[in-house]
Amino acid sequence: MDKNYYVETIQKTATAEEQQIVDIALLSVWGIGCPNCAAHCYVEPIQKTATTEEQQIVDMALFSVWGMGCPNCAARVRNNLLSLNGVVNVEVVHTTGTAGVAFNPNLVKVEMLIDAVASAGNDGRHVYGARLLRREVLL
């Protein structure tokens, strides 16, 4: 038995606000934007020179990080981790959802690193989280 279906096509011109929402959603799907970020959401990466004390003992940790949708998110997470005393270097990649952290375990603990990732989203629009994947003790 054949069934006939009727689909009505409606044409509509999107408002500027509607188009912005669609653009942000598409950028997020393509991995080059974040639904919580907008053009005004640029994050300047901070620079840090580790102190002699921070560099005395260095361990490496690899974290899975969720909630990042664009390079600004990665910069926000990186900046928050680097602001901790004891963190020597940080590399965050939003496309893989990972963060590599070089840190002095006598000055900062893994739990503090995880908390720093979570608190990077304290602006009310971003929510980040992290889980330790691997830790290496360097001699």
N, C-alpha and C. Protein backbone atom coordinates (compact mmCIF):
# COMPACT_ATOMS: atom_id res chain seq x y z
N MET A 1 0.84 -1.16 0.00
CA MET A 1 0.00 0.00 0.00
C MET A 1 0.90 1.24 0.00
N ASP A 2 0.71 2.11 -0.95
CA ASP A 2 1.48 3.36 -1.04
C ASP A 2 0.84 4.41 -0.14
N LYS A 3 1.71 5.16 0.49
CA LYS A 3 1.24 6.27 1.30
C LYS A 3 1.76 7.55 0.68
N ASN A 4 0.96 8.54 0.66
CA ASN A 4 1.36 9.84 0.15
C ASN A 4 1.69 10.75 1.33
N TYR A 5 2.81 11.41 1.21
CA TYR A 5 3.22 12.34 2.25
C TYR A 5 3.31 13.73 1.65
N TYR A 6 2.92 14.70 2.42
CA TYR A 6 3.00 16.07 1.99
C TYR A 6 3.89 16.82 2.96
N VAL A 7 4.91 17.44 2.44
CA VAL A 7 5.81 18.23 3.27
C VAL A 7 5.79 19.65 2.76
N GLU A 8 5.46 20.55 3.64
CA GLU A 8 5.41 21.95 3.26
C GLU A 8 6.76 22.59 3.55
N THR A 9 7.28 23.31 2.59
CA THR A 9 8.54 24.01 2.77
C THR A 9 8.24 25.44 3.18
N ILE A 10 8.86 25.84 4.25
CA ILE A 10 8.68 27.20 4.74
C ILE A 10 10.01 27.92 4.58
N GLN A 11 9.98 29.07 3.97
CA GLN A 11 11.19 29.86 3.82
C GLN A 11 11.14 31.01 4.81
N LYS A 12 12.28 31.21 5.47
CA LYS A 12 12.34 32.26 6.48
C LYS A 12 13.72 32.87 6.45
N THR A 13 13.80 34.15 6.61
CA THR A 13 15.08 34.82 6.73
C THR A 13 15.42 34.90 8.21
N ALA A 14 16.57 34.36 8.54
CA ALA A 14 16.99 34.33 9.95
C ALA A 14 17.37 35.72 10.42
N THR A 15 17.04 35.99 11.68
CA THR A 15 17.49 37.25 12.28
C THR A 15 18.99 37.15 12.52
N ALA A 16 19.63 38.25 12.79
CA ALA A 16 21.06 38.27 13.05
C ALA A 16 21.38 37.38 14.27
N GLU A 17 20.54 37.44 15.29
CA GLU A 17 20.75 36.63 16.49
C GLU A 17 20.62 35.13 16.18
N GLU A 18 19.61 34.77 15.39
CA GLU A 18 19.44 33.37 15.01
C GLU A 18 20.62 32.87 14.18
N GLN A 19 21.10 33.70 13.26
CA GLN A 19 22.22 33.30 12.42
C GLN A 19 23.49 33.13 13.25
N GLN A 20 23.68 33.98 14.24
CA GLN A 20 24.85 33.86 15.11
C GLN A 20 24.80 32.54 15.88
N ILE A 21 23.63 32.16 16.35
CA ILE A 21 23.49 30.89 17.08
C ILE A 21 23.82 29.72 16.16
N VAL A 22 23.33 29.76 14.92
CA VAL A 22 23.60 28.70 13.95
C VAL A 22 25.10 28.66 13.64
N ASP A 23 25.71 29.81 13.41
CA ASP A 23 27.13 29.87 13.09
C ASP A 23 27.97 29.28 14.22
N ILE A 24 27.66 29.64 15.45
CA ILE A 24 28.41 29.12 16.60
C ILE A 24 28.23 27.62 16.71
N ALA A 25 27.02 27.14 16.50
CA ALA A 25 26.76 25.70 16.58
C ALA A 25 27.55 24.95 15.50
N LEU A 26 27.57 25.48 14.29
CA LEU A 26 28.32 24.83 13.21
C LEU A 26 29.81 24.85 13.47
N LEU A 27 30.32 25.96 13.96
CA LEU A 27 31.75 26.03 14.28
C LEU A 27 32.11 25.02 15.35
N SER A 28 31.24 24.83 16.32
CA SER A 28 31.49 23.86 17.38
C SER A 28 31.51 22.44 16.82
N VAL A 29 30.57 22.12 15.94
CA VAL A 29 30.52 20.79 15.33
C VAL A 29 31.77 20.53 14.52
N TRP A 30 32.27 21.55 13.83
CA TRP A 30 33.46 21.39 13.01
C TRP A 30 34.74 21.41 13.84
N GLY A 31 34.64 21.64 15.14
CA GLY A 31 35.81 21.64 16.00
C GLY A 31 36.61 22.93 15.98
N ILE A 32 36.03 23.98 15.45
CA ILE A 32 36.77 25.24 15.40
C ILE A 32 36.04 26.35 16.15
N GLY A 33 35.10 25.98 16.93
CA GLY A 33 34.39 26.98 17.71
C GLY A 33 33.78 26.34 18.94
N CYS A 34 33.27 27.14 19.77
CA CYS A 34 32.70 26.66 21.02
C CYS A 34 31.33 27.30 21.20
N PRO A 35 30.31 26.51 21.55
CA PRO A 35 28.99 27.10 21.73
C PRO A 35 28.93 28.10 22.87
N ASN A 36 29.92 28.06 23.77
CA ASN A 36 29.93 28.98 24.89
C ASN A 36 30.81 30.19 24.65
N CYS A 37 31.56 30.18 23.57
CA CYS A 37 32.47 31.28 23.26
C CYS A 37 31.90 32.10 22.11
N ALA A 38 32.25 33.33 22.10
CA ALA A 38 31.87 34.21 21.00
C ALA A 38 33.12 34.98 20.59
N ALA A 39 32.98 35.86 19.64
CA ALA A 39 34.12 36.61 19.14
C ALA A 39 34.81 37.39 20.26
N HIS A 40 34.07 37.79 21.27
CA HIS A 40 34.63 38.56 22.38
C HIS A 40 35.28 37.68 23.44
N CYS A 41 35.38 36.39 23.18
CA CYS A 41 35.84 35.44 24.19
C CYS A 41 37.33 35.11 24.06
N TYR A 42 38.11 35.94 23.38
CA TYR A 42 39.53 35.68 23.19
C TYR A 42 40.25 35.62 24.53
N VAL A 43 41.14 34.63 24.68
CA VAL A 43 41.92 34.46 25.91
C VAL A 43 43.39 34.59 25.55
N GLU A 44 44.05 35.55 26.14
CA GLU A 44 45.48 35.77 25.89
C GLU A 44 46.29 34.73 26.68
N PRO A 45 47.09 33.92 25.99
CA PRO A 45 47.90 32.92 26.71
C PRO A 45 48.95 33.63 27.58
N ILE A 46 49.05 33.20 28.82
CA ILE A 46 50.04 33.79 29.72
C ILE A 46 51.40 33.12 29.49
N GLN A 47 52.43 33.84 29.82
CA GLN A 47 53.79 33.32 29.75
C GLN A 47 54.29 33.14 31.18
N LYS A 48 55.02 32.06 31.40
CA LYS A 48 55.53 31.80 32.74
C LYS A 48 56.95 31.28 32.64
N THR A 49 57.81 31.82 33.47
CA THR A 49 59.16 31.28 33.62
C THR A 49 59.19 30.58 34.97
N ALA A 50 59.40 29.27 34.93
CA ALA A 50 59.40 28.49 36.16
C ALA A 50 60.58 28.88 37.05
N THR A 51 60.33 28.90 38.34
CA THR A 51 61.39 29.23 39.29
C THR A 51 62.32 28.03 39.47
N THR A 52 63.46 28.28 40.08
CA THR A 52 64.42 27.20 40.37
C THR A 52 63.78 26.17 41.29
N GLU A 53 63.01 26.64 42.27
CA GLU A 53 62.32 25.73 43.19
C GLU A 53 61.33 24.84 42.45
N GLU A 54 60.57 25.42 41.52
CA GLU A 54 59.59 24.64 40.76
C GLU A 54 60.27 23.58 39.90
N GLN A 55 61.48 23.86 39.43
CA GLN A 55 62.17 22.95 38.53
C GLN A 55 63.02 21.89 39.23
N GLN A 56 63.11 21.92 40.56
CA GLN A 56 63.96 20.96 41.29
C GLN A 56 63.56 19.52 41.02
N ILE A 57 62.29 19.23 41.09
CA ILE A 57 61.75 17.89 40.82
C ILE A 57 60.59 18.10 39.85
N VAL A 58 60.58 17.35 38.76
CA VAL A 58 59.50 17.53 37.78
C VAL A 58 58.90 16.18 37.42
N ASP A 59 57.60 16.06 37.63
CA ASP A 59 56.82 14.91 37.17
C ASP A 59 55.98 15.35 35.98
N MET A 60 55.53 14.37 35.21
CA MET A 60 54.66 14.65 34.07
C MET A 60 53.31 13.99 34.31
N ALA A 61 52.26 14.67 33.94
CA ALA A 61 50.91 14.10 34.05
C ALA A 61 50.14 14.39 32.76
N LEU A 62 49.39 13.40 32.32
CA LEU A 62 48.52 13.55 31.15
C LEU A 62 47.08 13.43 31.63
N PHE A 63 46.28 14.43 31.28
CA PHE A 63 44.88 14.47 31.70
C PHE A 63 43.95 14.42 30.49
N SER A 64 42.82 13.78 30.69
CA SER A 64 41.71 13.91 29.76
C SER A 64 40.91 15.10 30.25
N VAL A 65 40.64 16.05 29.35
CA VAL A 65 39.91 17.26 29.72
C VAL A 65 38.65 17.36 28.87
N TRP A 66 37.52 17.57 29.50
CA TRP A 66 36.27 17.72 28.74
C TRP A 66 35.70 19.11 28.95
N GLY A 67 34.88 19.51 27.97
CA GLY A 67 34.23 20.81 28.02
C GLY A 67 34.87 21.84 27.12
N MET A 68 36.02 21.52 26.52
CA MET A 68 36.70 22.47 25.65
C MET A 68 36.16 22.35 24.22
N GLY A 69 35.81 23.48 23.63
CA GLY A 69 35.28 23.45 22.28
C GLY A 69 36.08 24.27 21.28
N CYS A 70 37.08 25.01 21.77
CA CYS A 70 37.84 25.86 20.85
C CYS A 70 39.20 26.20 21.47
N PRO A 71 40.08 26.83 20.69
CA PRO A 71 41.39 27.20 21.22
C PRO A 71 41.32 28.14 22.42
N ASN A 72 40.28 28.97 22.49
CA ASN A 72 40.15 29.85 23.66
C ASN A 72 39.91 29.05 24.93
N CYS A 73 39.13 27.98 24.82
CA CYS A 73 38.91 27.10 25.97
C CYS A 73 40.23 26.49 26.43
N ALA A 74 41.02 26.02 25.46
CA ALA A 74 42.32 25.42 25.78
C ALA A 74 43.23 26.44 26.45
N ALA A 75 43.22 27.68 25.96
CA ALA A 75 44.04 28.73 26.56
C ALA A 75 43.58 29.04 27.99
N ARG A 76 42.27 29.02 28.19
CA ARG A 76 41.72 29.28 29.52
C ARG A 76 42.18 28.21 30.52
N VAL A 77 42.11 26.94 30.09
CA VAL A 77 42.55 25.83 30.95
C VAL A 77 44.06 25.92 31.19
N ARG A 78 44.83 26.17 30.12
CA ARG A 78 46.29 26.27 30.22
C ARG A 78 46.68 27.38 31.20
N ASN A 79 46.07 28.55 31.05
CA ASN A 79 46.41 29.68 31.92
C ASN A 79 46.15 29.35 33.38
N ASN A 80 45.03 28.69 33.65
CA ASN A 80 44.70 28.37 35.04
C ASN A 80 45.69 27.37 35.63
N LEU A 81 46.10 26.39 34.84
CA LEU A 81 47.10 25.43 35.32
C LEU A 81 48.44 26.12 35.54
N LEU A 82 48.86 26.96 34.60
CA LEU A 82 50.16 27.64 34.73
C LEU A 82 50.20 28.60 35.92
N SER A 83 49.05 29.08 36.35
CA SER A 83 49.03 30.03 37.47
C SER A 83 49.34 29.37 38.81
N LEU A 84 49.32 28.04 38.84
CA LEU A 84 49.62 27.34 40.10
C LEU A 84 51.12 27.33 40.38
N ASN A 85 51.48 27.59 41.63
CA ASN A 85 52.87 27.46 42.05
C ASN A 85 53.25 25.99 41.99
N GLY A 86 54.31 25.68 41.28
CA GLY A 86 54.75 24.30 41.14
C GLY A 86 54.56 23.76 39.73
N VAL A 87 53.75 24.43 38.92
CA VAL A 87 53.57 24.00 37.53
C VAL A 87 54.67 24.64 36.69
N VAL A 88 55.38 23.78 35.95
CA VAL A 88 56.52 24.23 35.15
C VAL A 88 56.11 24.52 33.72
N ASN A 89 55.30 23.64 33.12
CA ASN A 89 54.89 23.80 31.73
C ASN A 89 53.56 23.09 31.51
N VAL A 90 52.77 23.58 30.55
CA VAL A 90 51.46 22.99 30.24
C VAL A 90 51.25 23.03 28.73
N GLU A 91 50.73 21.94 28.21
CA GLU A 91 50.32 21.87 26.80
C GLU A 91 48.90 21.34 26.77
N VAL A 92 47.96 22.13 26.25
CA VAL A 92 46.55 21.75 26.19
C VAL A 92 46.12 21.72 24.73
N VAL A 93 45.46 20.65 24.32
CA VAL A 93 44.98 20.51 22.95
C VAL A 93 43.47 20.26 23.00
N HIS A 94 42.70 21.25 22.54
CA HIS A 94 41.24 21.13 22.64
C HIS A 94 40.69 20.06 21.70
N THR A 95 41.34 19.83 20.55
CA THR A 95 40.82 18.86 19.58
C THR A 95 40.95 17.43 20.07
N THR A 96 41.93 17.16 20.91
CA THR A 96 42.09 15.81 21.47
C THR A 96 41.56 15.73 22.90
N GLY A 97 41.26 16.88 23.49
CA GLY A 97 40.76 16.90 24.87
C GLY A 97 41.79 16.44 25.87
N THR A 98 43.04 16.88 25.67
CA THR A 98 44.11 16.46 26.57
C THR A 98 44.90 17.65 27.09
N ALA A 99 45.52 17.42 28.24
CA ALA A 99 46.42 18.41 28.82
C ALA A 99 47.62 17.68 29.39
N GLY A 100 48.81 18.08 28.97
CA GLY A 100 50.05 17.55 29.53
C GLY A 100 50.62 18.59 30.47
N VAL A 101 50.97 18.17 31.68
CA VAL A 101 51.43 19.11 32.69
C VAL A 101 52.75 18.62 33.28
N ALA A 102 53.75 19.50 33.27
CA ALA A 102 55.01 19.25 33.97
C ALA A 102 54.92 20.02 35.29
N PHE A 103 55.14 19.32 36.39
CA PHE A 103 54.93 19.97 37.70
C PHE A 103 55.85 19.39 38.76
N ASN A 104 56.06 20.17 39.82
CA ASN A 104 56.84 19.73 40.97
C ASN A 104 55.86 19.14 41.99
N PRO A 105 55.93 17.82 42.24
CA PRO A 105 54.96 17.18 43.14
C PRO A 105 55.11 17.61 44.61
N ASN A 106 56.22 18.25 44.94
CA ASN A 106 56.37 18.76 46.30
C ASN A 106 55.62 20.08 46.50
N LEU A 107 55.26 20.73 45.39
CA LEU A 107 54.59 22.03 45.47
C LEU A 107 53.12 21.98 45.07
N VAL A 108 52.76 21.05 44.20
CA VAL A 108 51.38 20.96 43.72
C VAL A 108 51.00 19.49 43.55
N LYS A 109 49.82 19.14 43.94
CA LYS A 109 49.33 17.76 43.86
C LYS A 109 48.40 17.59 42.66
N VAL A 110 48.24 16.36 42.22
CA VAL A 110 47.39 16.06 41.06
C VAL A 110 45.97 16.57 41.29
N GLU A 111 45.45 16.43 42.50
CA GLU A 111 44.10 16.90 42.80
C GLU A 111 43.98 18.41 42.58
N MET A 112 45.06 19.14 42.89
CA MET A 112 45.05 20.59 42.69
C MET A 112 45.03 20.92 41.19
N LEU A 113 45.69 20.10 40.38
CA LEU A 113 45.67 20.30 38.94
C LEU A 113 44.27 20.07 38.38
N ILE A 114 43.62 19.02 38.84
CA ILE A 114 42.25 18.73 38.42
C ILE A 114 41.31 19.86 38.84
N ASP A 115 41.47 20.36 40.05
CA ASP A 115 40.66 21.49 40.52
C ASP A 115 40.90 22.74 39.68
N ALA A 116 42.15 22.95 39.26
CA ALA A 116 42.47 24.13 38.44
C ALA A 116 41.78 24.05 37.08
N VAL A 117 41.69 22.86 36.51
CA VAL A 117 40.97 22.70 35.25
C VAL A 117 39.50 23.06 35.45
N ALA A 118 38.90 22.52 36.50
CA ALA A 118 37.49 22.79 36.77
C ALA A 118 37.23 24.27 37.03
N SER A 119 38.11 24.91 37.77
CA SER A 119 37.88 26.33 38.10
C SER A 119 38.19 27.26 36.93
N ALA A 120 38.79 26.75 35.86
CA ALA A 120 39.03 27.59 34.67
C ALA A 120 37.71 28.01 34.04
N GLY A 121 36.65 27.29 34.30
CA GLY A 121 35.34 27.62 33.75
C GLY A 121 34.48 28.39 34.73
N ASN A 122 35.08 29.23 35.53
CA ASN A 122 34.32 29.93 36.58
C ASN A 122 33.57 31.16 36.09
N ASP A 123 33.44 31.33 34.77
CA ASP A 123 32.75 32.51 34.27
C ASP A 123 31.24 32.30 34.11
N GLY A 124 30.75 31.11 34.44
CA GLY A 124 29.33 30.83 34.35
C GLY A 124 28.88 30.33 32.99
N ARG A 125 29.75 30.39 31.97
CA ARG A 125 29.41 29.89 30.64
C ARG A 125 30.16 28.62 30.28
N HIS A 126 31.30 28.39 30.91
CA HIS A 126 32.15 27.25 30.58
C HIS A 126 32.20 26.29 31.75
N VAL A 127 32.17 25.00 31.42
CA VAL A 127 32.29 23.97 32.44
C VAL A 127 33.33 22.97 31.95
N TYR A 128 34.41 22.87 32.69
CA TYR A 128 35.49 21.96 32.34
C TYR A 128 35.67 20.93 33.44
N GLY A 129 36.22 19.81 33.06
CA GLY A 129 36.56 18.77 34.02
C GLY A 129 37.78 18.01 33.52
N ALA A 130 38.41 17.29 34.42
CA ALA A 130 39.62 16.54 34.05
C ALA A 130 39.72 15.25 34.84
N ARG A 131 40.43 14.31 34.23
CA ARG A 131 40.71 13.03 34.87
C ARG A 131 42.14 12.65 34.51
N LEU A 132 42.88 12.17 35.49
CA LEU A 132 44.26 11.76 35.25
C LEU A 132 44.29 10.49 34.41
N LEU A 133 45.04 10.54 33.30
CA LEU A 133 45.20 9.37 32.45
C LEU A 133 46.51 8.63 32.74
N ARG A 134 47.56 9.43 32.96
CA ARG A 134 48.88 8.82 33.18
C ARG A 134 49.77 9.81 33.93
N ARG A 135 50.61 9.27 34.77
CA ARG A 135 51.59 10.09 35.49
C ARG A 135 52.95 9.43 35.39
N GLU A 136 53.96 10.22 35.10
CA GLU A 136 55.33 9.72 35.03
C GLU A 136 56.19 10.47 36.02
N VAL A 137 56.90 9.71 36.83
CA VAL A 137 57.84 10.29 37.78
C VAL A 137 59.20 10.30 37.09
N LEU A 138 59.72 11.50 36.90
CA LEU A 138 61.01 11.65 36.21
C LEU A 138 62.12 11.70 37.25
N LEU A 139 63.19 11.02 36.96
CA LEU A 139 64.33 11.02 37.88
C LEU A 139 65.41 11.95 37.41
